[in-house]
């Protein structure tokens, strides 16, 4: 794992950002305080309603069942599930066992899942028999000792008697491995501890302190921030949990009215799709007062639109590695909230390298990657994380992101590795060279754009042909190119390296 200077470690402990408690401790305390709080899954295929106590009972039966099958503290428990009750039960069971939870986005294809399972070699893999266009292929889980399939045999993993208490583990040890696309051609595993996640949970709770209504969670719980937001934050505050497993703006608006729910923010698409829906009325604004936007590019036009509706909108900046780097407080001046990415959160430090790259460190920064070489490359000996993002740090302390060094596209909150998409495109017969960049999009923030150099005697493939190629390759749909561009050649450095920043700028100005 990365080097954490001892003085930095001690300062986090003295300030209370790192505490001697595990996720299991936090959940056990919170669940005991509000056992009758409501838990609802709003789903056409797997609806569920009950209480937190009932879900905890299932989680503790699962923990006991897994323990009887040899699962021990420190073992990895992977799950790939939609926003269903069983996802909460799996996360909570892993926390009670002192295991390392590995959430996998439910729409990842077999290619991504095989890479993740091969990297972490989990003791347990829990998934769905079928959801949307995906169905479980037993071949992807070969070698995993315990496999549970919701909709088929998940119930067989539950012991008759629930496990009591929480197994003690080192709070500084690994608690979660979150996989995210980035500069590598396959998803990279980011390791967080109980302490970093506990700090992150408190950061998020503080940012959302004035949003007192129950939340509707539609962001995938296979994203670890979605998982924490759905299954940890409400427990810590004694609130109800409401999940939506398919994002349907009309359904979300109906649930907001029926249950008095709020949709607090996230990637801009989740908010703008509500405002643009024909069922949206001013009455829905009564349930939304504070909107924090992040996880994707946030156009100033979106924050301005929210402000004009009377909402308190603000932007936030972070990543899987360092979830909460900057954000604006609701009391900040409007310009800062709407047009910048805010100021460092408590305990967080930022500085800019000579080339403008943002370096950050703080108590919610991860421990490193499952790939030691990548950890060595991205973190330095003083504890700084080299984000790969370019920014401007203003004299009064707020930050504005201006570009990315890293080959990452953030589509509706989902990271897409440009390198991975380029590799798949390069296998097409007509493609001599492929460069993949972000294309600005008003709905999703960014979408995948493929800038192709075509072989002599071939024509630019159609978007339908490209989609078919990616389908055959088993790549998740969110990573498929949505815009195609043809060039005779690319802008290059004297050494021949493609200058992606110029390509991004050219595409942005041409839209």
Protein backbone atom coordinates (compact mmCIF):
# COMPACT_ATOMS: atom_id res chain seq x y z
CA UNK A 1 0.00 0.00 0.00
CA UNK A 2 1.00 3.66 -0.26
CA UNK A 3 3.29 5.40 2.18
CA UNK A 4 1.43 7.36 4.87
CA UNK A 5 3.83 9.58 6.83
CA UNK A 6 3.57 8.83 10.55
CA UNK A 7 2.98 12.44 11.52
CA UNK A 8 0.10 12.64 9.03
CA UNK A 9 -1.38 9.46 10.47
CA UNK A 10 -1.17 10.81 14.01
CA UNK A 11 -2.72 14.14 12.98
CA UNK A 12 -5.74 12.34 11.48
CA UNK A 13 -6.19 10.38 14.70
CA UNK A 14 -5.84 13.45 16.93
CA UNK A 15 -8.44 15.34 14.88
CA UNK A 16 -10.89 12.44 15.08
CA UNK A 17 -10.97 11.85 11.33
CA UNK A 18 -9.55 8.37 11.88
CA UNK A 19 -11.26 6.55 14.75
CA UNK A 20 -10.79 3.12 16.36
CA UNK A 21 -13.99 1.68 14.85
CA UNK A 22 -14.89 -0.50 11.89
CA UNK A 23 -17.74 -0.41 9.41
CA UNK A 24 -19.30 -3.26 11.39
CA UNK A 25 -19.16 -1.13 14.54
CA UNK A 26 -20.80 1.84 12.77
CA UNK A 27 -23.55 -0.29 11.25
CA UNK A 28 -24.24 -2.24 14.44
CA UNK A 29 -24.68 0.98 16.43
CA UNK A 30 -26.83 2.66 13.81
CA UNK A 31 -29.09 -0.32 13.18
CA UNK A 32 -29.70 -0.76 16.92
CA UNK A 33 -30.76 2.89 17.18
CA UNK A 34 -33.46 2.80 14.46
CA UNK A 35 -34.58 -0.79 13.87
CA UNK A 36 -38.09 0.14 12.68
CA UNK A 37 -36.97 2.58 10.00
CA UNK A 38 -38.47 1.69 6.63
CA UNK A 39 -36.59 -0.14 3.87
CA UNK A 40 -38.20 -0.23 0.41
CA UNK A 41 -37.05 -1.43 -2.99
CA UNK A 42 -39.09 0.11 -5.80
CA UNK A 43 -38.68 -2.40 -8.61
CA UNK A 44 -40.80 -4.08 -11.26
CA UNK A 45 -38.84 -7.33 -11.02
CA UNK A 46 -37.86 -7.58 -7.32
CA UNK A 47 -39.84 -5.21 -5.09
CA UNK A 48 -39.37 -5.47 -1.33
CA UNK A 49 -40.60 -3.64 1.74
CA UNK A 50 -39.82 -4.06 5.40
CA UNK A 51 -37.65 -2.53 8.11
CA UNK A 52 -33.95 -2.07 8.72
CA UNK A 53 -34.22 -4.71 11.46
CA UNK A 54 -35.55 -7.25 8.97
CA UNK A 55 -32.72 -6.58 6.53
CA UNK A 56 -30.20 -6.76 9.37
CA UNK A 57 -31.65 -10.16 10.34
CA UNK A 58 -31.09 -11.38 6.76
CA UNK A 59 -27.57 -9.93 6.78
CA UNK A 60 -26.71 -11.67 10.05
CA UNK A 61 -28.11 -14.98 8.77
CA UNK A 62 -25.96 -14.51 5.66
CA UNK A 63 -22.92 -13.72 7.82
CA UNK A 64 -23.50 -16.88 9.85
CA UNK A 65 -23.96 -18.95 6.70
CA UNK A 66 -20.77 -17.62 5.13
CA UNK A 67 -18.83 -18.10 8.36
CA UNK A 68 -19.95 -21.73 8.45
CA UNK A 69 -18.60 -22.09 4.90
CA UNK A 70 -15.15 -20.93 5.99
CA UNK A 71 -15.27 -17.20 5.28
CA UNK A 72 -12.96 -15.35 7.66
CA UNK A 73 -12.01 -11.74 8.47
CA UNK A 74 -9.98 -10.24 5.65
CA UNK A 75 -11.52 -12.48 2.97
CA UNK A 76 -13.05 -10.69 -0.02
CA UNK A 77 -16.81 -10.83 -0.61
CA UNK A 78 -17.75 -9.57 -4.08
CA UNK A 79 -21.27 -8.71 -5.14
CA UNK A 80 -22.77 -7.58 -8.45
CA UNK A 81 -26.37 -6.66 -7.77
CA UNK A 82 -28.84 -3.94 -8.72
CA UNK A 83 -30.30 -1.70 -6.03
CA UNK A 84 -31.98 -4.59 -4.18
CA UNK A 85 -32.35 -5.60 -0.55
CA UNK A 86 -29.84 -8.44 -1.03
CA UNK A 87 -27.13 -5.89 -1.88
CA UNK A 88 -27.60 -4.25 1.53
CA UNK A 89 -27.63 -7.65 3.24
CA UNK A 90 -24.36 -8.59 1.53
CA UNK A 91 -22.58 -5.33 2.41
CA UNK A 92 -23.76 -5.49 6.01
CA UNK A 93 -22.85 -9.19 6.34
CA UNK A 94 -19.35 -8.51 5.01
CA UNK A 95 -18.96 -5.67 7.53
CA UNK A 96 -20.11 -7.83 10.46
CA UNK A 97 -17.63 -10.53 9.41
CA UNK A 98 -14.72 -8.12 9.09
CA UNK A 99 -14.43 -9.13 5.42
CA UNK A 100 -13.43 -6.91 2.52
CA UNK A 101 -16.44 -5.96 0.40
CA UNK A 102 -16.00 -5.70 -3.37
CA UNK A 103 -18.99 -3.98 -5.04
CA UNK A 104 -19.24 -4.47 -8.82
CA UNK A 105 -21.41 -2.25 -11.00
CA UNK A 106 -24.43 -4.32 -12.01
CA UNK A 107 -24.13 -3.53 -15.73
CA UNK A 108 -20.48 -4.58 -16.06
CA UNK A 109 -20.02 -7.27 -18.71
CA UNK A 110 -18.30 -10.64 -18.34
CA UNK A 111 -15.00 -9.15 -19.49
CA UNK A 112 -14.89 -6.66 -16.62
CA UNK A 113 -16.27 -9.11 -14.05
CA UNK A 114 -13.74 -11.80 -14.95
CA UNK A 115 -10.92 -9.28 -14.51
CA UNK A 116 -12.22 -8.16 -11.10
CA UNK A 117 -12.74 -11.68 -9.76
CA UNK A 118 -9.36 -12.74 -11.10
CA UNK A 119 -7.70 -9.78 -9.36
CA UNK A 120 -9.23 -10.07 -5.88
CA UNK A 121 -9.85 -13.86 -5.86
CA UNK A 122 -12.85 -13.51 -3.53
CA UNK A 123 -14.08 -16.16 -1.15
CA UNK A 124 -17.66 -15.24 -2.11
CA UNK A 125 -19.39 -13.88 -5.21
CA UNK A 126 -23.07 -12.91 -5.06
CA UNK A 127 -24.92 -11.84 -8.19
CA UNK A 128 -28.34 -11.83 -9.86
CA UNK A 129 -29.74 -14.64 -11.99
CA UNK A 130 -30.93 -12.03 -14.47
CA UNK A 131 -31.31 -8.27 -14.64
CA UNK A 132 -31.91 -6.20 -17.75
CA UNK A 133 -29.84 -7.58 -20.59
CA UNK A 134 -27.45 -9.49 -18.32
CA UNK A 135 -27.80 -13.03 -17.02
CA UNK A 136 -25.44 -14.99 -14.81
CA UNK A 137 -22.82 -17.09 -16.57
CA UNK A 138 -21.33 -19.67 -14.14
CA UNK A 139 -18.13 -19.66 -16.18
CA UNK A 140 -17.23 -16.16 -14.99
CA UNK A 141 -17.07 -17.36 -11.35
CA UNK A 142 -14.98 -20.50 -11.85
CA UNK A 143 -12.63 -20.84 -8.88
CA UNK A 144 -14.75 -18.79 -6.45
CA UNK A 145 -15.46 -21.08 -3.44
CA UNK A 146 -18.92 -19.71 -2.58
CA UNK A 147 -21.33 -18.38 -5.23
CA UNK A 148 -24.84 -17.15 -4.48
CA UNK A 149 -27.33 -16.18 -7.17
CA UNK A 150 -30.27 -13.97 -6.17
CA UNK A 151 -33.38 -15.34 -7.80
CA UNK A 152 -32.00 -18.86 -7.70
CA UNK A 153 -30.10 -20.10 -4.64
CA UNK A 154 -29.21 -17.04 -2.53
CA UNK A 155 -31.49 -18.24 0.28
CA UNK A 156 -29.44 -21.42 0.66
CA UNK A 157 -26.55 -19.32 1.98
CA UNK A 158 -28.60 -18.10 4.96
CA UNK A 159 -28.09 -19.90 8.27
CA UNK A 160 -31.08 -20.63 10.49
CA UNK A 161 -29.62 -18.58 13.34
CA UNK A 162 -28.16 -15.10 12.81
CA UNK A 163 -24.60 -14.22 13.75
CA UNK A 164 -24.40 -12.04 16.86
CA UNK A 165 -22.13 -9.05 17.21
CA UNK A 166 -19.28 -7.97 14.98
CA UNK A 167 -15.92 -9.68 14.49
CA UNK A 168 -13.16 -7.24 15.52
CA UNK A 169 -10.56 -6.32 12.90
CA UNK A 170 -7.95 -3.57 12.53
CA UNK A 171 -9.72 -0.28 11.61
CA UNK A 172 -6.65 0.68 9.56
CA UNK A 173 -6.96 -2.50 7.50
CA UNK A 174 -8.69 -3.01 4.16
CA UNK A 175 -12.49 -2.81 4.25
CA UNK A 176 -13.36 -2.31 0.56
CA UNK A 177 -11.92 -2.73 -2.91
CA UNK A 178 -13.71 -0.53 -5.45
CA UNK A 179 -13.00 -1.01 -9.14
CA UNK A 180 -12.97 1.97 -11.45
CA UNK A 181 -11.91 2.58 -15.02
CA UNK A 182 -9.08 5.00 -15.61
CA UNK A 183 -5.73 5.17 -17.32
CA UNK A 184 -5.40 1.37 -17.48
CA UNK A 185 -7.09 -0.86 -20.04
CA UNK A 186 -8.92 -2.84 -17.34
CA UNK A 187 -10.70 -1.62 -14.19
CA UNK A 188 -8.26 -0.82 -11.39
CA UNK A 189 -8.86 -1.90 -7.79
CA UNK A 190 -8.85 0.92 -5.22
CA UNK A 191 -8.38 -0.19 -1.61
CA UNK A 192 -10.04 1.70 1.24
CA UNK A 193 -9.82 1.08 4.98
CA UNK A 194 -12.48 1.23 7.68
CA UNK A 195 -10.94 4.54 8.74
CA UNK A 196 -11.00 6.17 5.30
CA UNK A 197 -14.60 5.06 4.70
CA UNK A 198 -15.71 6.16 8.16
CA UNK A 199 -14.19 9.58 7.50
CA UNK A 200 -15.86 9.73 4.07
CA UNK A 201 -19.24 8.87 5.60
CA UNK A 202 -18.89 11.72 8.08
CA UNK A 203 -17.81 14.11 5.32
CA UNK A 204 -20.89 13.25 3.27
CA UNK A 205 -23.19 13.48 6.29
CA UNK A 206 -21.86 16.94 7.09
CA UNK A 207 -22.29 18.13 3.50
CA UNK A 208 -25.89 16.90 3.49
CA UNK A 209 -26.76 17.90 7.05
CA UNK A 210 -29.56 20.27 6.04
CA UNK A 211 -31.22 17.77 3.70
CA UNK A 212 -33.51 16.24 6.31
CA UNK A 213 -35.89 14.28 4.05
CA UNK A 214 -35.48 10.61 3.23
CA UNK A 215 -33.52 10.07 0.03
CA UNK A 216 -34.37 8.05 -3.06
CA UNK A 217 -31.23 6.22 -4.18
CA UNK A 218 -31.05 5.39 -7.86
CA UNK A 219 -27.29 5.61 -8.35
CA UNK A 220 -25.94 2.06 -8.62
CA UNK A 221 -24.90 0.52 -5.30
CA UNK A 222 -22.20 -1.29 -7.26
CA UNK A 223 -20.41 2.08 -7.12
CA UNK A 224 -18.98 2.30 -3.62
CA UNK A 225 -20.23 5.87 -3.07
CA UNK A 226 -23.70 4.70 -4.11
CA UNK A 227 -23.32 1.81 -1.66
CA UNK A 228 -22.30 4.09 1.21
CA UNK A 229 -25.03 6.60 0.34
CA UNK A 230 -27.70 3.90 0.22
CA UNK A 231 -26.67 1.52 3.01
CA UNK A 232 -24.51 3.43 5.50
CA UNK A 233 -25.45 7.12 5.64
CA UNK A 234 -29.20 6.54 6.27
CA UNK A 235 -28.35 4.01 9.01
CA UNK A 236 -26.08 6.50 10.76
CA UNK A 237 -28.85 9.12 10.75
CA UNK A 238 -31.77 6.78 11.47
CA UNK A 239 -33.51 7.46 8.15
CA UNK A 240 -35.54 5.23 5.88
CA UNK A 241 -33.92 3.60 2.84
CA UNK A 242 -35.64 3.83 -0.54
CA UNK A 243 -34.03 2.21 -3.58
CA UNK A 244 -34.89 2.43 -7.28
CA UNK A 245 -33.23 -0.28 -9.40
CA UNK A 246 -33.86 1.32 -12.82
CA UNK A 247 -33.65 5.06 -13.35
CA UNK A 248 -37.01 6.18 -14.69
CA UNK A 249 -37.55 9.92 -14.12
CA UNK A 250 -41.35 9.59 -14.18
CA UNK A 251 -41.24 6.82 -11.57
CA UNK A 252 -38.82 8.85 -9.45
CA UNK A 253 -41.14 11.87 -9.52
CA UNK A 254 -44.10 9.72 -8.51
CA UNK A 255 -42.14 8.26 -5.57
CA UNK A 256 -41.04 11.72 -4.48
CA UNK A 257 -44.69 12.77 -4.26
CA UNK A 258 -45.97 9.54 -2.66
CA UNK A 259 -43.30 9.14 0.02
CA UNK A 260 -42.02 12.69 0.41
CA UNK A 261 -38.56 11.70 -0.86
CA UNK A 262 -35.69 13.87 -1.95
CA UNK A 263 -33.26 13.29 -4.80
CA UNK A 264 -30.24 15.06 -3.43
CA UNK A 265 -27.87 15.19 -6.37
CA UNK A 266 -25.00 13.21 -7.86
CA UNK A 267 -24.20 13.28 -11.59
CA UNK A 268 -26.16 16.10 -13.29
CA UNK A 269 -28.16 13.68 -15.44
CA UNK A 270 -30.17 12.44 -12.46
CA UNK A 271 -31.34 15.98 -11.70
CA UNK A 272 -31.80 17.36 -15.21
CA UNK A 273 -33.79 14.32 -16.36
CA UNK A 274 -36.31 15.06 -13.58
CA UNK A 275 -36.60 18.73 -14.54
CA UNK A 276 -37.08 17.84 -18.21
CA UNK A 277 -39.75 15.19 -17.61
CA UNK A 278 -43.35 16.16 -18.49
CA UNK A 279 -44.57 15.00 -15.05
CA UNK A 280 -42.33 17.46 -13.23
CA UNK A 281 -44.24 20.18 -11.36
CA UNK A 282 -43.16 22.99 -9.02
CA UNK A 283 -44.54 20.87 -6.14
CA UNK A 284 -41.60 18.50 -6.58
CA UNK A 285 -39.28 21.34 -5.63
CA UNK A 286 -40.70 21.15 -2.12
CA UNK A 287 -38.75 17.90 -1.70
CA UNK A 288 -35.46 19.24 -3.09
CA UNK A 289 -33.73 22.19 -1.50
CA UNK A 290 -30.02 21.36 -1.66
CA UNK A 291 -28.41 19.76 -4.72
CA UNK A 292 -24.77 18.69 -4.68
CA UNK A 293 -23.46 17.80 -8.13
CA UNK A 294 -20.37 15.75 -8.84
CA UNK A 295 -19.14 12.45 -10.20
CA UNK A 296 -19.27 13.90 -13.71
CA UNK A 297 -18.57 17.11 -15.57
CA UNK A 298 -20.92 19.79 -14.22
CA UNK A 299 -21.81 22.49 -16.79
CA UNK A 300 -22.33 25.93 -15.30
CA UNK A 301 -25.60 26.11 -17.24
CA UNK A 302 -26.96 23.27 -15.08
CA UNK A 303 -26.09 24.85 -11.74
CA UNK A 304 -27.46 28.20 -13.01
CA UNK A 305 -30.72 26.52 -14.00
CA UNK A 306 -31.09 24.97 -10.54
CA UNK A 307 -30.35 28.28 -8.85
CA UNK A 308 -33.00 30.02 -10.96
CA UNK A 309 -35.51 27.45 -9.64
CA UNK A 310 -34.70 28.51 -6.09
CA UNK A 311 -32.49 25.53 -5.24
CA UNK A 312 -29.20 25.74 -3.35
CA UNK A 313 -26.86 24.06 -5.83
CA UNK A 314 -23.16 23.39 -5.38
CA UNK A 315 -20.41 21.42 -7.07
CA UNK A 316 -18.11 18.82 -5.53
CA UNK A 317 -14.92 17.16 -6.74
CA UNK A 318 -13.51 13.76 -5.90
CA UNK A 319 -12.76 10.29 -7.22
CA UNK A 320 -12.86 6.66 -6.19
CA UNK A 321 -9.33 7.10 -4.84
CA UNK A 322 -10.09 10.32 -2.97
CA UNK A 323 -13.88 10.65 -2.72
CA UNK A 324 -14.28 14.10 -1.16
CA UNK A 325 -11.53 16.51 -2.15
CA UNK A 326 -13.40 19.80 -2.54
CA UNK A 327 -16.97 21.08 -2.34
CA UNK A 328 -18.78 24.33 -1.74
CA UNK A 329 -20.78 24.86 1.40
CA UNK A 330 -24.41 25.89 1.01
CA UNK A 331 -23.44 29.23 2.59
CA UNK A 332 -20.74 29.96 -0.02
CA UNK A 333 -21.19 32.84 -2.46
CA UNK A 334 -23.26 31.91 -5.48
CA UNK A 335 -20.40 32.29 -7.95
CA UNK A 336 -18.29 29.78 -6.01
CA UNK A 337 -21.14 27.27 -5.67
CA UNK A 338 -22.26 27.44 -9.30
CA UNK A 339 -19.03 27.97 -11.22
CA UNK A 340 -16.19 26.39 -9.23
CA UNK A 341 -15.53 23.01 -7.64
CA UNK A 342 -15.33 24.42 -4.13
CA UNK A 343 -12.75 24.38 -1.37
CA UNK A 344 -10.86 21.55 0.34
CA UNK A 345 -13.01 19.67 2.83
CA UNK A 346 -11.93 19.32 6.48
CA UNK A 347 -8.61 17.52 6.76
CA UNK A 348 -7.96 17.65 3.01
CA UNK A 349 -4.96 19.42 1.47
CA UNK A 350 -4.47 20.26 -2.20
CA UNK A 351 -1.68 21.80 -4.23
CA UNK A 352 -0.83 22.15 -7.91
CA UNK A 353 2.20 20.67 -9.63
CA UNK A 354 4.20 22.79 -12.08
CA UNK A 355 2.04 21.56 -14.98
CA UNK A 356 -1.20 22.36 -13.14
CA UNK A 357 -1.95 18.78 -12.05
CA UNK A 358 -3.95 18.61 -8.83
CA UNK A 359 -2.30 16.77 -5.94
CA UNK A 360 -4.39 15.91 -2.90
CA UNK A 361 -4.14 14.13 0.42
CA UNK A 362 -6.54 13.71 3.29
CA UNK A 363 -8.11 11.30 5.76
CA UNK A 364 -10.53 9.85 3.16
CA UNK A 365 -7.76 9.09 0.65
CA UNK A 366 -7.50 5.39 -0.21
CA UNK A 367 -4.67 3.08 0.85
CA UNK A 368 -3.60 2.42 -2.73
CA UNK A 369 -4.33 0.01 -5.56
CA UNK A 370 -4.34 -3.75 -5.89
CA UNK A 371 -1.60 -3.10 -8.46
CA UNK A 372 1.58 -2.21 -6.53
CA UNK A 373 3.22 -0.67 -9.58
CA UNK A 374 0.27 1.68 -10.09
CA UNK A 375 0.35 2.62 -6.40
CA UNK A 376 4.03 3.46 -6.69
CA UNK A 377 3.35 5.64 -9.73
CA UNK A 378 0.35 7.60 -8.44
CA UNK A 379 1.23 8.23 -4.75
CA UNK A 380 4.41 9.85 -3.49
CA UNK A 381 6.38 9.41 -0.28
CA UNK A 382 4.76 12.47 1.35
CA UNK A 383 1.29 10.98 0.99
CA UNK A 384 0.16 13.04 -2.03
CA UNK A 385 -2.17 11.54 -4.62
CA UNK A 386 -1.48 12.63 -8.21
CA UNK A 387 -5.04 12.95 -9.50
CA UNK A 388 -4.39 13.27 -13.24
CA UNK A 389 -6.70 16.30 -13.29
CA UNK A 390 -5.66 19.83 -14.22
CA UNK A 391 -7.00 22.78 -12.27
CA UNK A 392 -6.70 26.38 -11.22
CA UNK A 393 -6.42 27.21 -7.53
CA UNK A 394 -7.82 30.68 -6.94
CA UNK A 395 -6.27 33.09 -4.40
CA UNK A 396 -9.21 32.79 -1.99
CA UNK A 397 -8.87 28.99 -1.91
CA UNK A 398 -11.46 27.55 -4.27
CA UNK A 399 -10.58 25.17 -7.09
CA UNK A 400 -11.73 24.92 -10.69
CA UNK A 401 -11.10 21.78 -12.75
CA UNK A 402 -10.04 22.74 -16.28
CA UNK A 403 -8.90 19.49 -17.93
CA UNK A 404 -7.66 15.94 -17.33
CA UNK A 405 -4.24 14.46 -17.95
CA UNK A 406 -5.68 10.99 -17.41
CA UNK A 407 -7.50 9.14 -20.18
CA UNK A 408 -10.82 9.01 -18.35
CA UNK A 409 -14.30 9.90 -19.58
CA UNK A 410 -16.96 10.42 -16.92
CA UNK A 411 -20.28 9.48 -18.49
CA UNK A 412 -23.20 10.12 -16.16
CA UNK A 413 -21.00 9.37 -13.15
CA UNK A 414 -19.45 6.20 -14.62
CA UNK A 415 -15.71 6.26 -15.34
CA UNK A 416 -14.80 4.96 -18.80
CA UNK A 417 -11.18 4.12 -19.62
CA UNK A 418 -10.24 5.68 -22.96
CA UNK A 419 -7.40 3.15 -23.22
CA UNK A 420 -9.80 0.22 -22.91
CA UNK A 421 -12.13 1.59 -25.60
CA UNK A 422 -9.18 2.33 -27.89
CA UNK A 423 -7.97 -1.27 -27.58
CA UNK A 424 -11.37 -2.63 -28.59
CA UNK A 425 -11.64 -0.21 -31.54
CA UNK A 426 -8.14 -1.11 -32.74
CA UNK A 427 -9.34 -4.69 -33.35
CA UNK A 428 -11.73 -3.51 -36.09
CA UNK A 429 -10.46 -4.21 -39.60
CA UNK A 430 -11.08 -0.67 -40.87
CA UNK A 431 -9.33 1.10 -38.01
CA UNK A 432 -5.67 2.06 -38.41
CA UNK A 433 -5.53 4.07 -35.17
CA UNK A 434 -8.09 5.08 -32.57
CA UNK A 435 -8.11 7.96 -30.11
CA UNK A 436 -10.93 8.14 -27.59
CA UNK A 437 -11.83 11.35 -25.78
CA UNK A 438 -14.71 12.90 -23.88
CA UNK A 439 -17.36 14.73 -25.88
CA UNK A 440 -19.35 17.32 -23.88
CA UNK A 441 -23.00 16.35 -23.46
CA UNK A 442 -25.75 18.40 -21.84
CA UNK A 443 -27.54 15.33 -20.44
CA UNK A 444 -24.72 13.05 -19.24
CA UNK A 445 -21.90 15.56 -18.81
CA UNK A 446 -19.63 13.61 -21.13
CA UNK A 447 -20.03 10.79 -23.65
CA UNK A 448 -17.50 8.60 -25.45
CA UNK A 449 -16.15 10.02 -28.69
CA UNK A 450 -13.96 7.94 -31.02
CA UNK A 451 -11.61 9.82 -33.34
CA UNK A 452 -10.51 7.29 -35.96
CA UNK A 453 -7.80 7.10 -38.59
CA UNK A 454 -9.06 4.69 -41.25
CA UNK A 455 -6.99 2.19 -43.23
CA UNK A 456 -6.64 2.79 -46.99
CA UNK A 457 -9.43 1.11 -48.94
CA UNK A 458 -11.83 1.15 -45.97
CA UNK A 459 -14.64 3.48 -44.96
CA UNK A 460 -15.48 4.90 -41.55
CA UNK A 461 -17.59 2.19 -39.86
CA UNK A 462 -21.16 3.04 -38.97
CA UNK A 463 -22.16 3.53 -35.34
CA UNK A 464 -24.25 0.34 -35.66
CA UNK A 465 -21.16 -1.62 -36.76
CA UNK A 466 -19.17 -0.25 -33.84
CA UNK A 467 -21.91 -1.19 -31.38
CA UNK A 468 -22.03 -4.71 -32.77
CA UNK A 469 -18.25 -5.03 -32.39
CA UNK A 470 -18.37 -3.91 -28.73
CA UNK A 471 -21.30 -6.23 -28.04
CA UNK A 472 -19.29 -9.16 -29.37
CA UNK A 473 -16.32 -8.12 -27.22
CA UNK A 474 -18.48 -8.29 -24.05
CA UNK A 475 -17.90 -4.65 -23.10
CA UNK A 476 -20.48 -2.83 -20.94
CA UNK A 477 -22.83 -0.62 -23.00
CA UNK A 478 -21.87 2.52 -21.09
CA UNK A 479 -18.41 2.27 -22.66
CA UNK A 480 -19.54 2.08 -26.28
CA UNK A 481 -18.62 5.08 -28.47
CA UNK A 482 -21.57 7.40 -29.12
CA UNK A 483 -19.88 9.82 -31.53
CA UNK A 484 -17.51 8.94 -34.37
CA UNK A 485 -15.05 11.31 -36.04
CA UNK A 486 -12.66 10.61 -38.90
CA UNK A 487 -9.26 12.28 -39.29
CA UNK A 488 -6.37 11.91 -41.70
CA UNK A 489 -4.01 12.27 -38.74
CA UNK A 490 -3.88 13.67 -35.20
CA UNK A 491 -2.07 16.63 -33.68
CA UNK A 492 1.15 15.18 -32.30
CA UNK A 493 4.18 16.12 -30.25
CA UNK A 494 7.61 16.13 -31.94
CA UNK A 495 8.08 12.59 -30.64
CA UNK A 496 4.86 11.47 -32.37
CA UNK A 497 2.65 11.26 -29.28
CA UNK A 498 -0.99 12.21 -29.85
CA UNK A 499 -1.94 15.48 -28.18
CA UNK A 500 -5.30 14.51 -26.69
CA UNK A 501 -5.82 17.85 -25.02
CA UNK A 502 -5.95 19.53 -28.44
CA UNK A 503 -8.35 16.88 -29.76
CA UNK A 504 -10.66 17.42 -26.79
CA UNK A 505 -10.57 21.17 -27.36
CA UNK A 506 -11.32 20.79 -31.07
CA UNK A 507 -14.29 18.51 -30.42
CA UNK A 508 -15.64 20.76 -27.68
CA UNK A 509 -15.61 23.81 -29.95
CA UNK A 510 -17.17 21.92 -32.86
CA UNK A 511 -20.28 20.91 -30.89
